[in-house]
Amino acid sequence: MTETSNRRRAPGMSPEARREMIVAAALPLLVEHGAAVGTLQIAKAAGIGEATIFRVFADKEELLEACVAAALRNDHVLTELDAVPLDQPLAARLTEAAASLHAYLHRMGAVIAAVHSAGRRGAAPPRRPGGAAAAATDGLGAVGSGAAGPGAGASGHGAAVSGRGGSVGREEAAERTLQAVVRLLEPDRAALRLPIEQLAAVFLGMLFSGRGAPIVDTPIETLVDIFLHGVVTPGAAS
């Protein structure tokens, strides 16, 4: 049998569903190989013929643009935050949340950096400091980070982030992220010295620097411990 006959036919689906399937197959390859990844590689990963890609994307650049758009979606990380069990100790809840947020930004930053490196038309390098990490943080709304104001995208212009229920503005993405952390703090509200909404913003601000880049050199557990217990040794003189 020929290679063509061995390859399974693309399952019957709408053009939009097929685009999503192709993008899902392309994202990990883009992270691994950068923008040099070939459409044949993507087609093999998706289990389809290469020609199927060009039935729903005009060219490779349009596919890469769709990958960046998908990478910036924050609905997946919000789902992960919503799934953190509230019966865990507070430190464990916050550590799990921080790990999800860091993984999201790492994945998004890798995709954006790969496309930027090739100078693709749909992914102009961010103009504000922080580069790809700052652009990825826009997907979370950069809550508490001191980054560009609500509605600012990677290049400082208005942007929308695709999330649960469709496209949402950066301000709404920020609010959803904040409320996801508020939920994690709620069971311990009575034991906390400040309003949990304020603490949620502080927590997110600690995770990501003022320009949106993750504080990668500090272990997540250490950041959570500092957030909960401060930096002064208990009983030490101030």
Protein backbone atom coordinates (compact mmCIF):
# COMPACT_ATOMS: atom_id res chain seq x y z
CA MET A 1 0.00 0.00 0.00
CA THR A 2 1.19 3.50 -0.70
CA GLU A 3 1.95 6.08 1.98
CA THR A 4 -1.12 8.02 0.84
CA SER A 5 -3.42 5.04 1.26
CA ASN A 6 -1.93 4.28 4.68
CA ARG A 7 -2.64 7.78 5.93
CA ARG A 8 -6.10 7.99 7.44
CA ARG A 9 -8.57 10.32 5.85
CA ALA A 10 -9.34 13.51 7.70
CA PRO A 11 -12.49 12.90 9.74
CA GLY A 12 -15.60 14.72 8.64
CA MET A 13 -15.77 17.98 10.58
CA SER A 14 -16.50 21.64 10.09
CA PRO A 15 -13.72 23.89 8.77
CA GLU A 16 -13.48 25.59 12.18
CA ALA A 17 -13.18 22.25 14.00
CA ARG A 18 -10.53 21.15 11.52
CA ARG A 19 -8.59 24.37 12.06
CA GLU A 20 -8.65 23.79 15.81
CA MET A 21 -7.48 20.20 15.36
CA ILE A 22 -4.57 21.28 13.16
CA VAL A 23 -3.57 24.08 15.54
CA ALA A 24 -3.65 21.64 18.47
CA ALA A 25 -1.24 19.37 16.60
CA ALA A 26 0.98 22.27 15.55
CA LEU A 27 1.45 23.92 18.96
CA PRO A 28 3.78 21.34 20.56
CA LEU A 29 5.78 21.10 17.32
CA LEU A 30 6.11 24.87 17.21
CA VAL A 31 7.44 24.89 20.78
CA GLU A 32 9.93 22.13 19.94
CA HIS A 33 11.10 23.20 16.48
CA GLY A 34 10.18 26.87 16.22
CA ALA A 35 8.70 28.46 13.12
CA ALA A 36 10.90 26.17 10.98
CA VAL A 37 8.44 23.32 11.59
CA GLY A 38 7.07 22.13 8.27
CA THR A 39 3.44 21.73 7.32
CA LEU A 40 4.17 18.10 6.44
CA GLN A 41 5.33 17.51 10.04
CA ILE A 42 2.16 19.15 11.32
CA ALA A 43 0.00 17.09 8.97
CA LYS A 44 1.61 13.85 10.15
CA ALA A 45 1.10 14.84 13.79
CA ALA A 46 -2.56 15.57 13.05
CA GLY A 47 -2.97 12.33 11.11
CA ILE A 48 -4.08 14.09 7.93
CA GLY A 49 -2.72 14.85 4.48
CA GLU A 50 -0.70 18.02 4.03
CA ALA A 51 -3.22 19.31 1.49
CA THR A 52 -5.91 19.28 4.19
CA ILE A 53 -4.05 22.06 6.00
CA PHE A 54 -4.35 24.34 3.00
CA ARG A 55 -8.06 23.72 2.69
CA VAL A 56 -8.60 25.67 5.92
CA PHE A 57 -5.49 27.91 6.04
CA ALA A 58 -4.42 30.13 3.16
CA ASP A 59 -0.75 29.49 3.89
CA LYS A 60 1.68 28.56 6.66
CA GLU A 61 1.76 32.13 7.97
CA GLU A 62 -1.97 32.08 8.57
CA LEU A 63 -1.55 28.79 10.43
CA LEU A 64 1.17 30.32 12.62
CA GLU A 65 -1.05 33.32 13.34
CA ALA A 66 -3.79 30.92 14.47
CA CYS A 67 -1.26 29.16 16.71
CA VAL A 68 -0.35 32.44 18.42
CA ALA A 69 -4.03 33.26 18.93
CA ALA A 70 -4.62 29.82 20.45
CA ALA A 71 -1.51 30.13 22.61
CA LEU A 72 -2.82 33.33 24.16
CA ARG A 73 -6.12 31.78 25.16
CA ASN A 74 -6.39 31.67 28.94
CA ASP A 75 -9.45 29.45 29.31
CA HIS A 76 -7.35 26.33 29.90
CA VAL A 77 -5.33 27.79 32.77
CA LEU A 78 -8.48 29.25 34.32
CA THR A 79 -10.06 25.78 34.21
CA GLU A 80 -6.98 24.40 35.98
CA LEU A 81 -7.23 27.08 38.68
CA ASP A 82 -10.92 26.36 39.15
CA ALA A 83 -10.10 22.66 39.60
CA VAL A 84 -7.64 23.15 42.49
CA PRO A 85 -9.23 21.34 45.49
CA LEU A 86 -10.20 23.70 48.29
CA ASP A 87 -9.73 21.02 50.97
CA GLN A 88 -5.94 21.22 50.58
CA PRO A 89 -3.86 23.44 52.89
CA LEU A 90 -3.61 27.01 51.64
CA ALA A 91 0.07 26.67 50.75
CA ALA A 92 -0.66 23.61 48.62
CA ARG A 93 -3.52 25.38 46.84
CA LEU A 94 -1.40 28.40 46.00
CA THR A 95 1.57 26.27 44.92
CA GLU A 96 -0.63 24.32 42.51
CA ALA A 97 -2.10 27.54 41.15
CA ALA A 98 1.32 29.14 40.70
CA ALA A 99 2.60 26.05 38.88
CA SER A 100 -0.32 26.23 36.44
CA LEU A 101 0.25 29.93 35.79
CA HIS A 102 3.98 29.44 35.24
CA ALA A 103 3.36 26.52 32.85
CA TYR A 104 0.86 28.63 30.90
CA LEU A 105 3.31 31.50 30.48
CA HIS A 106 6.18 29.18 29.58
CA ARG A 107 4.13 27.51 26.86
CA MET A 108 2.76 30.78 25.53
CA GLY A 109 6.14 32.49 25.63
CA ALA A 110 7.74 29.62 23.72
CA VAL A 111 5.15 29.77 20.94
CA ILE A 112 5.28 33.54 20.63
CA ALA A 113 9.09 33.61 20.70
CA ALA A 114 9.23 30.94 17.99
CA VAL A 115 6.99 32.94 15.69
CA HIS A 116 8.75 36.23 16.50
CA SER A 117 12.10 34.68 15.64
CA ALA A 118 10.87 34.06 12.11
CA GLY A 119 9.50 37.61 11.79
CA ARG A 120 6.02 36.41 10.91
CA ARG A 121 3.57 39.07 9.85
CA GLY A 122 0.96 38.27 12.48
CA ALA A 123 3.33 38.33 15.43
CA ALA A 124 5.26 41.56 15.56
CA PRO A 125 7.63 41.62 18.56
CA PRO A 126 6.11 43.33 21.61
CA ARG A 127 7.14 46.98 21.85
CA ARG A 128 7.13 47.11 25.62
CA PRO A 129 9.86 45.49 27.76
CA GLY A 130 9.39 41.86 28.66
CA GLY A 131 9.30 40.45 25.13
CA ALA A 132 7.37 37.25 24.53
CA ALA A 133 6.77 36.68 28.24
CA ALA A 134 5.09 40.07 28.49
CA ALA A 135 2.89 39.28 25.51
CA ALA A 136 1.93 35.96 27.05
CA THR A 137 1.06 37.67 30.32
CA ASP A 138 -1.49 39.74 28.40
CA GLY A 139 -3.49 36.52 28.15
CA LEU A 140 -3.89 36.67 31.92
CA GLY A 141 -4.57 40.39 31.93
CA ALA A 142 -1.27 41.03 33.77
CA VAL A 143 -3.13 41.32 37.08
CA GLY A 144 -1.06 43.14 39.65
CA SER A 145 1.97 43.26 37.36
CA GLY A 146 2.05 46.97 36.63
CA ALA A 147 2.07 46.20 32.91
CA ALA A 148 0.19 48.10 30.22
CA GLY A 149 -3.31 49.09 31.20
CA PRO A 150 -6.56 47.19 30.57
CA GLY A 151 -7.21 46.58 26.90
CA ALA A 152 -3.55 46.81 25.91
CA GLY A 153 -2.22 43.97 23.84
CA ALA A 154 1.32 42.84 23.13
CA SER A 155 2.10 45.95 21.10
CA GLY A 156 0.25 48.36 23.38
CA HIS A 157 -2.98 48.44 21.38
CA GLY A 158 -6.42 47.13 22.28
CA ALA A 159 -6.60 43.36 22.39
CA ALA A 160 -9.02 40.59 23.15
CA VAL A 161 -8.21 37.21 24.65
CA SER A 162 -10.24 34.18 23.71
CA GLY A 163 -11.56 32.58 26.84
CA ARG A 164 -14.57 30.76 28.22
CA GLY A 165 -17.63 32.01 26.41
CA GLY A 166 -15.68 33.52 23.47
CA SER A 167 -13.43 36.51 23.07
CA VAL A 168 -12.98 38.62 26.17
CA GLY A 169 -11.10 41.85 26.72
CA ARG A 170 -7.86 42.03 28.62
CA GLU A 171 -9.62 43.65 31.56
CA GLU A 172 -12.09 40.78 31.82
CA ALA A 173 -9.26 38.25 31.50
CA ALA A 174 -7.52 40.00 34.40
CA GLU A 175 -10.67 39.88 36.49
CA ARG A 176 -11.21 36.18 35.81
CA THR A 177 -7.65 35.41 36.83
CA LEU A 178 -8.00 37.49 39.99
CA GLN A 179 -11.27 35.80 40.96
CA ALA A 180 -9.76 32.35 40.39
CA VAL A 181 -7.11 33.19 43.00
CA VAL A 182 -9.71 34.77 45.31
CA ARG A 183 -11.53 31.43 45.27
CA LEU A 184 -8.37 29.70 46.51
CA LEU A 185 -8.01 32.17 49.39
CA GLU A 186 -11.67 32.16 50.43
CA PRO A 187 -11.57 29.13 52.79
CA ASP A 188 -8.91 30.92 54.88
CA ARG A 189 -10.45 34.40 54.75
CA ALA A 190 -10.84 34.63 58.54
CA ALA A 191 -7.15 33.87 59.10
CA LEU A 192 -5.82 36.45 56.65
CA ARG A 193 -4.89 40.00 57.68
CA LEU A 194 -5.96 41.75 54.47
CA PRO A 195 -8.98 41.48 52.14
CA ILE A 196 -8.59 38.43 49.95
CA GLU A 197 -9.12 40.47 46.75
CA GLN A 198 -6.10 42.58 47.68
CA LEU A 199 -4.06 39.52 48.59
CA ALA A 200 -4.94 37.83 45.29
CA ALA A 201 -3.55 40.82 43.39
CA VAL A 202 -0.42 40.82 45.55
CA PHE A 203 0.06 37.09 44.96
CA LEU A 204 -0.17 37.49 41.18
CA GLY A 205 2.15 40.48 41.36
CA MET A 206 4.72 38.37 43.21
CA LEU A 207 4.57 35.62 40.61
CA PHE A 208 5.25 37.90 37.70
CA SER A 209 7.57 40.86 37.59
CA GLY A 210 6.47 44.38 36.72
CA ARG A 211 7.04 43.76 33.01
CA GLY A 212 5.13 40.50 32.89
CA ALA A 213 8.08 38.09 32.95
CA PRO A 214 7.87 35.18 35.39
CA ILE A 215 10.35 35.29 38.28
CA VAL A 216 11.98 32.11 37.03
CA ASP A 217 14.97 31.96 39.39
CA THR A 218 12.87 31.63 42.55
CA PRO A 219 11.19 28.28 43.23
CA ILE A 220 7.41 28.47 43.34
CA GLU A 221 7.37 26.97 46.82
CA THR A 222 9.66 29.76 48.05
CA LEU A 223 7.45 32.46 46.56
CA VAL A 224 4.38 30.94 48.19
CA ASP A 225 6.18 30.68 51.53
CA ILE A 226 7.25 34.34 51.36
CA PHE A 227 3.71 35.36 50.42
CA LEU A 228 2.23 33.52 53.39
CA HIS A 229 4.92 34.05 56.03
CA GLY A 230 7.02 37.02 54.91
CA VAL A 231 10.79 37.25 54.96
CA VAL A 232 11.46 37.85 58.66
CA THR A 233 12.31 34.82 60.77
CA PRO A 234 9.58 34.26 63.37
CA GLY A 235 10.69 35.71 66.71
CA ALA A 236 13.55 37.70 65.19
CA ALA A 237 13.91 41.33 66.23
CA SER A 238 12.67 43.82 63.66
